[in-house]
């Protein structure tokens, strides 16, 4: 009899340890939102949670938290969250994440509060965040990614702008003749830590920029890097010609004409996207010359509103900061006047 009573007490305690169905659903939804924020890429405990959900998937899917959650069935995820020890670990890491995201007493709040309303707009040709999102070629991308993460840790008003290269940077292998061979892997946005940028009515936000006598339409994807948003422009739209759809195909891909058009899209299109989002940066940080065309767009805006060119040039100069991460000549693009004229041709009004 005593054993039966004791057993009944143990059973009741175990039932109380399990989370309730409503809480289970809430934990799962919050875990999915966390996977969409790259904060987990610099928190080891958080990475271990995703790894334990599917050790083989974690390895095979390039340590991609979003893909791991989609690779596991809803039933299995719910069963894992029924484990009280594992569920408590999930709750603990979510608490840490929520505290990080909502913290008000940051360095920027004390020393750079003006950037909260009018952020720094950081333009760069690549961001190296994590192998999950292979849209970087090397050191410039790692530098850019570190700047975004540091801005988030500091609570700095920061918005990033770059391109979404849907086949990323090439991967390499060695063939039987010991020669390097390159191959590309198409990226599936549904399996990546990003989300489409939408209008207030829930439609895709689509902007355009004139390049080489054509209106190039582009959409954007938002990457949440802790507290900081990074917007990636994507010209793969049905309205565009194949040439223009492929401007955002590869990191530094194509010939020089492709490169100059890529950079026009990034610089000029990036400014137009920020305007469409209602973001008014206080300063534009140009990370390398790949994004220099943003200055042309800022000057064009001022001139079109009646500002004399010399004044527009001076005001734009005051709005921009330029940095370079390498003095090597090969790291800087040079375009001939003829190529510039070719790319900057505009459609004449009828």
Protein backbone atom coordinates (compact mmCIF):
# COMPACT_ATOMS: atom_id res chain seq x y z
CA UNK A 1 0.00 0.00 0.00
CA UNK A 2 2.81 2.34 0.93
CA UNK A 3 4.59 1.47 -2.30
CA UNK A 4 1.45 2.21 -4.28
CA UNK A 5 1.03 5.59 -2.58
CA UNK A 6 4.70 6.40 -3.14
CA UNK A 7 4.41 5.37 -6.78
CA UNK A 8 1.35 7.56 -7.20
CA UNK A 9 3.24 10.51 -5.69
CA UNK A 10 6.17 9.98 -8.07
CA UNK A 11 3.78 9.80 -11.01
CA UNK A 12 2.14 13.09 -10.01
CA UNK A 13 5.54 14.76 -9.64
CA UNK A 14 6.58 13.55 -13.09
CA UNK A 15 3.38 14.90 -14.61
CA UNK A 16 4.06 18.28 -13.04
CA UNK A 17 7.60 18.24 -14.43
CA UNK A 18 6.33 17.89 -18.00
CA UNK A 19 5.40 21.17 -19.63
CA UNK A 20 1.79 21.71 -20.59
CA UNK A 21 0.73 21.59 -24.28
CA UNK A 22 0.21 25.37 -24.44
CA UNK A 23 3.64 26.07 -22.99
CA UNK A 24 5.14 23.48 -25.30
CA UNK A 25 3.77 25.29 -28.36
CA UNK A 26 5.02 28.62 -27.02
CA UNK A 27 8.52 27.25 -26.40
CA UNK A 28 8.66 25.80 -29.90
CA UNK A 29 7.53 29.06 -31.49
CA UNK A 30 10.10 31.06 -29.53
CA UNK A 31 12.81 28.56 -30.44
CA UNK A 32 11.96 29.01 -34.13
CA UNK A 33 12.17 32.79 -33.78
CA UNK A 34 15.53 32.43 -32.05
CA UNK A 35 16.83 30.31 -34.95
CA UNK A 36 16.04 33.23 -37.28
CA UNK A 37 18.33 35.53 -35.31
CA UNK A 38 22.07 35.07 -35.78
CA UNK A 39 22.63 35.77 -32.09
CA UNK A 40 22.82 32.00 -31.64
CA UNK A 41 25.98 31.89 -33.79
CA UNK A 42 27.99 33.56 -31.00
CA UNK A 43 26.38 31.76 -28.07
CA UNK A 44 27.85 28.30 -27.54
CA UNK A 45 25.11 27.03 -25.23
CA UNK A 46 22.46 27.94 -27.76
CA UNK A 47 24.33 26.10 -30.51
CA UNK A 48 24.51 23.00 -28.30
CA UNK A 49 20.71 22.98 -27.96
CA UNK A 50 20.24 22.89 -31.73
CA UNK A 51 22.97 20.28 -32.03
CA UNK A 52 21.29 17.99 -29.48
CA UNK A 53 18.00 18.20 -31.35
CA UNK A 54 19.65 16.47 -34.32
CA UNK A 55 23.41 15.73 -34.13
CA UNK A 56 23.51 14.31 -37.65
CA UNK A 57 21.38 17.14 -39.09
CA UNK A 58 23.54 19.72 -37.33
CA UNK A 59 26.62 18.26 -39.03
CA UNK A 60 25.11 17.61 -42.46
CA UNK A 61 23.25 20.94 -42.68
CA UNK A 62 26.32 23.11 -42.00
CA UNK A 63 25.30 23.92 -38.42
CA UNK A 64 22.15 25.64 -39.65
CA UNK A 65 19.63 26.10 -36.82
CA UNK A 66 16.75 26.97 -39.18
CA UNK A 67 17.36 23.91 -41.37
CA UNK A 68 17.70 21.64 -38.32
CA UNK A 69 14.30 22.71 -36.98
CA UNK A 70 12.72 22.10 -40.37
CA UNK A 71 14.46 18.75 -40.74
CA UNK A 72 12.85 17.44 -37.56
CA UNK A 73 9.16 16.55 -37.50
CA UNK A 74 6.78 18.61 -35.38
CA UNK A 75 5.98 15.47 -33.39
CA UNK A 76 9.65 14.82 -32.57
CA UNK A 77 10.23 18.43 -31.59
CA UNK A 78 7.27 18.29 -29.23
CA UNK A 79 8.53 15.04 -27.72
CA UNK A 80 11.98 16.52 -27.13
CA UNK A 81 10.41 19.49 -25.37
CA UNK A 82 8.54 17.09 -23.12
CA UNK A 83 11.89 16.23 -21.56
CA UNK A 84 11.84 18.48 -18.45
CA UNK A 85 15.64 18.83 -18.32
CA UNK A 86 15.94 19.77 -21.99
CA UNK A 87 12.91 22.05 -21.79
CA UNK A 88 14.47 23.88 -18.85
CA UNK A 89 17.65 24.43 -20.84
CA UNK A 90 15.59 25.85 -23.69
CA UNK A 91 13.75 28.16 -21.30
CA UNK A 92 17.06 29.33 -19.81
CA UNK A 93 18.65 30.19 -23.15
CA UNK A 94 15.48 31.96 -24.30
CA UNK A 95 15.58 34.01 -21.11
CA UNK A 96 19.19 35.00 -21.84
CA UNK A 97 18.26 35.93 -25.42
CA UNK A 98 15.24 37.99 -24.35
CA UNK A 99 17.37 39.83 -21.77
CA UNK A 100 19.99 40.57 -24.43
CA UNK A 101 17.41 41.91 -26.88
CA UNK A 102 15.56 44.06 -24.35
CA UNK A 103 18.52 45.45 -22.43
CA UNK A 104 18.30 49.23 -22.12
CA UNK A 105 21.52 49.98 -20.24
CA UNK A 106 23.90 49.57 -23.17
CA UNK A 107 27.09 51.39 -24.08
CA UNK A 108 25.31 53.15 -26.94
CA UNK A 109 22.43 54.25 -24.72
CA UNK A 110 24.98 56.04 -22.52
CA UNK A 111 27.36 57.31 -25.17
CA UNK A 112 25.69 57.36 -28.60
CA UNK A 113 21.94 57.65 -28.01
CA UNK A 114 21.44 59.86 -31.09
CA UNK A 115 21.99 56.83 -33.34
CA UNK A 116 18.90 55.10 -31.95
CA UNK A 117 16.59 57.19 -34.15
CA UNK A 118 18.99 57.85 -37.02
CA UNK A 119 21.30 54.84 -37.25
CA UNK A 120 24.63 54.26 -38.91
CA UNK A 121 24.02 52.73 -42.35
CA UNK A 122 26.86 50.27 -43.00
CA UNK A 123 27.19 49.43 -46.72
CA UNK A 124 29.46 46.58 -47.75
CA UNK A 125 29.70 44.12 -50.63
CA UNK A 126 29.75 41.10 -48.32
CA UNK A 127 28.91 39.98 -44.79
CA UNK A 128 30.65 36.98 -43.26
CA UNK A 129 28.33 35.95 -40.46
CA UNK A 130 28.42 32.15 -40.41
CA UNK A 131 28.68 29.17 -42.74
CA UNK A 132 24.89 29.03 -42.68
CA UNK A 133 24.80 32.13 -44.90
CA UNK A 134 27.74 31.86 -47.34
CA UNK A 135 27.57 35.34 -48.93
CA UNK A 136 31.17 36.37 -48.23
CA UNK A 137 34.47 35.74 -49.96
CA UNK A 138 36.96 36.48 -47.21
CA UNK A 139 38.41 39.12 -44.92
CA UNK A 140 36.16 42.01 -45.94
CA UNK A 141 33.08 39.94 -45.14
CA UNK A 142 34.43 38.80 -41.77
CA UNK A 143 35.23 42.41 -40.89
CA UNK A 144 31.69 43.48 -41.86
CA UNK A 145 30.10 40.67 -39.88
CA UNK A 146 32.18 41.53 -36.81
CA UNK A 147 31.11 45.17 -37.07
CA UNK A 148 27.43 44.15 -37.11
CA UNK A 149 27.84 41.83 -34.11
CA UNK A 150 29.80 44.45 -32.17
CA UNK A 151 27.16 47.08 -32.92
CA UNK A 152 24.53 44.71 -31.56
CA UNK A 153 26.51 44.03 -28.37
CA UNK A 154 26.97 47.76 -27.85
CA UNK A 155 23.31 48.51 -28.53
CA UNK A 156 24.34 50.87 -31.34
CA UNK A 157 21.81 52.16 -33.84
CA UNK A 158 23.03 50.25 -36.89
CA UNK A 159 21.55 49.04 -40.16
CA UNK A 160 23.51 46.97 -42.65
CA UNK A 161 23.10 46.87 -46.44
CA UNK A 162 24.55 44.33 -48.86
CA UNK A 163 23.49 41.90 -51.61
CA UNK A 164 21.85 38.48 -51.34
CA UNK A 165 23.99 36.23 -53.53
CA UNK A 166 21.66 33.30 -54.16
CA UNK A 167 24.55 31.00 -55.08
CA UNK A 168 27.01 32.60 -52.71
CA UNK A 169 30.75 32.28 -53.12
CA UNK A 170 32.17 29.24 -54.87
CA UNK A 171 33.27 26.12 -53.04
CA UNK A 172 36.28 24.28 -54.28
CA UNK A 173 37.57 20.76 -54.65
CA UNK A 174 40.62 19.12 -56.21
CA UNK A 175 40.06 16.87 -59.25
CA UNK A 176 42.03 13.76 -60.20
CA UNK A 177 44.57 15.93 -62.05
CA UNK A 178 45.19 17.96 -58.90
CA UNK A 179 43.51 21.06 -60.36
CA UNK A 180 41.13 23.24 -58.38
CA UNK A 181 37.51 23.04 -59.53
CA UNK A 182 34.78 25.44 -58.39
CA UNK A 183 31.13 24.73 -57.85
CA UNK A 184 28.17 26.68 -56.52
CA UNK A 185 25.25 25.59 -54.37
CA UNK A 186 21.94 27.46 -54.75
CA UNK A 187 20.69 28.88 -51.45
CA UNK A 188 17.11 28.26 -50.32
CA UNK A 189 15.84 31.30 -48.38
CA UNK A 190 13.29 29.12 -46.58
CA UNK A 191 16.17 27.29 -44.91
CA UNK A 192 18.18 30.37 -43.97
CA UNK A 193 18.09 32.77 -41.01
CA UNK A 194 16.45 35.58 -42.96
CA UNK A 195 12.98 36.85 -43.75
CA UNK A 196 11.46 38.73 -46.71
CA UNK A 197 11.00 42.48 -46.39
CA UNK A 198 7.30 43.27 -46.74
CA UNK A 199 5.13 46.35 -47.04
CA UNK A 200 2.58 47.33 -44.39
CA UNK A 201 -0.05 45.40 -46.36
CA UNK A 202 2.04 42.22 -46.31
CA UNK A 203 3.21 42.41 -49.95
CA UNK A 204 6.81 42.10 -51.07
CA UNK A 205 8.55 45.47 -50.94
CA UNK A 206 9.97 46.03 -54.43
CA UNK A 207 12.16 48.99 -55.41
CA UNK A 208 13.94 49.84 -58.63
CA UNK A 209 17.08 51.53 -59.90
CA UNK A 210 18.03 52.48 -63.45
CA UNK A 211 21.05 50.65 -64.81
CA UNK A 212 22.16 50.64 -68.44
CA UNK A 213 18.88 51.95 -69.87
CA UNK A 214 16.82 49.47 -67.88
CA UNK A 215 14.72 49.60 -64.74
CA UNK A 216 16.14 46.91 -62.49
CA UNK A 217 13.64 45.81 -59.86
CA UNK A 218 14.84 44.35 -56.60
CA UNK A 219 13.45 42.94 -53.38
CA UNK A 220 15.19 42.53 -50.06
CA UNK A 221 15.77 40.04 -47.27
CA UNK A 222 16.27 40.98 -43.64
CA UNK A 223 18.89 39.25 -41.49
CA UNK A 224 18.55 39.78 -37.75
CA UNK A 225 22.03 40.05 -36.22
CA UNK A 226 21.16 40.34 -32.55
CA UNK A 227 19.62 43.80 -32.25
CA UNK A 228 20.82 44.97 -35.68
CA UNK A 229 18.99 44.47 -38.99
CA UNK A 230 20.96 43.80 -42.15
CA UNK A 231 19.16 44.12 -45.49
CA UNK A 232 20.26 42.09 -48.49
CA UNK A 233 19.19 43.29 -51.95
CA UNK A 234 18.04 40.65 -54.43
CA UNK A 235 17.51 41.37 -58.14
CA UNK A 236 16.14 37.90 -58.91
CA UNK A 237 12.74 39.26 -59.92
CA UNK A 238 10.51 38.11 -62.84
CA UNK A 239 10.29 41.69 -64.16
CA UNK A 240 14.03 41.75 -64.90
CA UNK A 241 15.98 40.49 -67.87
CA UNK A 242 18.21 37.45 -67.13
CA UNK A 243 21.30 39.68 -67.15
CA UNK A 244 19.88 41.82 -64.37
CA UNK A 245 18.38 38.91 -62.44
CA UNK A 246 21.87 37.45 -62.21
CA UNK A 247 23.46 40.59 -60.77
CA UNK A 248 22.96 39.03 -57.34
CA UNK A 249 23.92 35.50 -58.37
CA UNK A 250 27.53 35.24 -57.17
CA UNK A 251 29.87 37.11 -54.84
CA UNK A 252 32.14 39.15 -57.12
CA UNK A 253 30.90 37.17 -60.09
CA UNK A 254 30.96 37.94 -63.81
CA UNK A 255 33.03 40.36 -65.85
CA UNK A 256 33.72 44.02 -65.15
CA UNK A 257 30.42 45.17 -66.63
CA UNK A 258 28.62 42.83 -64.24
CA UNK A 259 30.69 44.14 -61.35
CA UNK A 260 29.94 47.79 -62.04
CA UNK A 261 26.22 47.02 -62.33
CA UNK A 262 26.35 45.02 -59.08
CA UNK A 263 27.88 47.99 -57.34
CA UNK A 264 25.33 50.41 -58.79
CA UNK A 265 22.56 48.20 -57.48
CA UNK A 266 24.18 47.97 -54.05
CA UNK A 267 25.02 51.64 -53.62
CA UNK A 268 22.11 53.41 -55.28
CA UNK A 269 19.55 50.69 -54.67
CA UNK A 270 20.57 50.40 -51.03
CA UNK A 271 19.82 54.07 -50.39
CA UNK A 272 16.43 53.72 -52.10
CA UNK A 273 15.57 50.70 -49.99
CA UNK A 274 16.33 52.59 -46.78
CA UNK A 275 14.13 55.45 -47.97
CA UNK A 276 11.30 53.01 -48.73
CA UNK A 277 11.64 51.57 -45.21
CA UNK A 278 11.51 55.05 -43.66
CA UNK A 279 15.07 54.76 -42.31
CA UNK A 280 16.96 58.06 -42.23
CA UNK A 281 20.62 57.31 -41.39
CA UNK A 282 22.72 59.93 -39.67
CA UNK A 283 25.89 58.64 -41.34
CA UNK A 284 26.72 56.31 -44.22
CA UNK A 285 29.69 54.03 -43.62
CA UNK A 286 31.18 52.92 -46.95
CA UNK A 287 33.21 49.78 -46.34
CA UNK A 288 35.50 49.66 -49.40
CA UNK A 289 34.89 51.25 -52.80
CA UNK A 290 32.39 48.59 -53.88
CA UNK A 291 29.63 50.72 -52.33
CA UNK A 292 30.84 54.16 -53.48
CA UNK A 293 27.84 54.68 -55.77
CA UNK A 294 25.69 55.37 -52.72
CA UNK A 295 27.28 58.84 -52.70
CA UNK A 296 25.96 59.45 -56.22
CA UNK A 297 22.45 58.61 -55.08
CA UNK A 298 22.70 60.95 -52.09
CA UNK A 299 23.89 63.76 -54.37
CA UNK A 300 21.14 63.01 -56.90
CA UNK A 301 18.49 63.26 -54.17
CA UNK A 302 19.71 66.69 -53.10
CA UNK A 303 20.08 68.06 -56.63
CA UNK A 304 16.63 66.81 -57.63
CA UNK A 305 15.16 68.75 -54.70
CA UNK A 306 16.75 71.99 -55.93
CA UNK A 307 20.10 71.95 -54.12
CA UNK A 308 23.05 73.27 -56.20
CA UNK A 309 25.54 70.53 -57.11
CA UNK A 310 28.49 71.94 -55.15
CA UNK A 311 26.40 72.26 -52.01
CA UNK A 312 24.99 68.74 -52.54
CA UNK A 313 28.53 67.43 -52.88
CA UNK A 314 29.66 69.12 -49.67
CA UNK A 315 26.65 67.95 -47.67
CA UNK A 316 27.03 64.40 -48.95
CA UNK A 317 30.73 64.38 -48.07
CA UNK A 318 29.77 65.28 -44.50
CA UNK A 319 27.33 62.36 -44.36
CA UNK A 320 29.79 59.68 -45.46
CA UNK A 321 32.68 57.80 -43.88
CA UNK A 322 34.97 55.61 -45.98
CA UNK A 323 37.16 52.79 -44.69
CA UNK A 324 39.24 50.16 -46.42
CA UNK A 325 40.52 46.89 -45.01
CA UNK A 326 43.34 46.35 -47.49
CA UNK A 327 45.77 48.62 -49.39
CA UNK A 328 46.37 45.94 -52.04
CA UNK A 329 45.54 47.28 -55.51
CA UNK A 330 43.75 44.08 -56.52
CA UNK A 331 41.22 44.71 -53.76
CA UNK A 332 39.94 47.91 -55.38
CA UNK A 333 37.86 48.15 -58.54
CA UNK A 334 38.77 50.49 -61.36
CA UNK A 335 36.23 51.17 -64.08
CA UNK A 336 36.95 53.00 -67.33
CA UNK A 337 34.96 56.13 -68.26
CA UNK A 338 33.42 54.20 -71.16
CA UNK A 339 32.21 51.43 -68.85
CA UNK A 340 30.83 53.96 -66.39
CA UNK A 341 28.96 55.74 -69.17
CA UNK A 342 27.59 52.39 -70.36
CA UNK A 343 26.31 51.43 -66.92
CA UNK A 344 24.97 54.84 -65.90
CA UNK A 345 22.87 55.48 -69.01
CA UNK A 346 19.39 56.49 -67.92
CA UNK A 347 16.03 56.17 -69.61
CA UNK A 348 15.07 59.50 -71.14
CA UNK A 349 11.56 60.74 -70.34
CA UNK A 350 9.14 60.67 -73.30
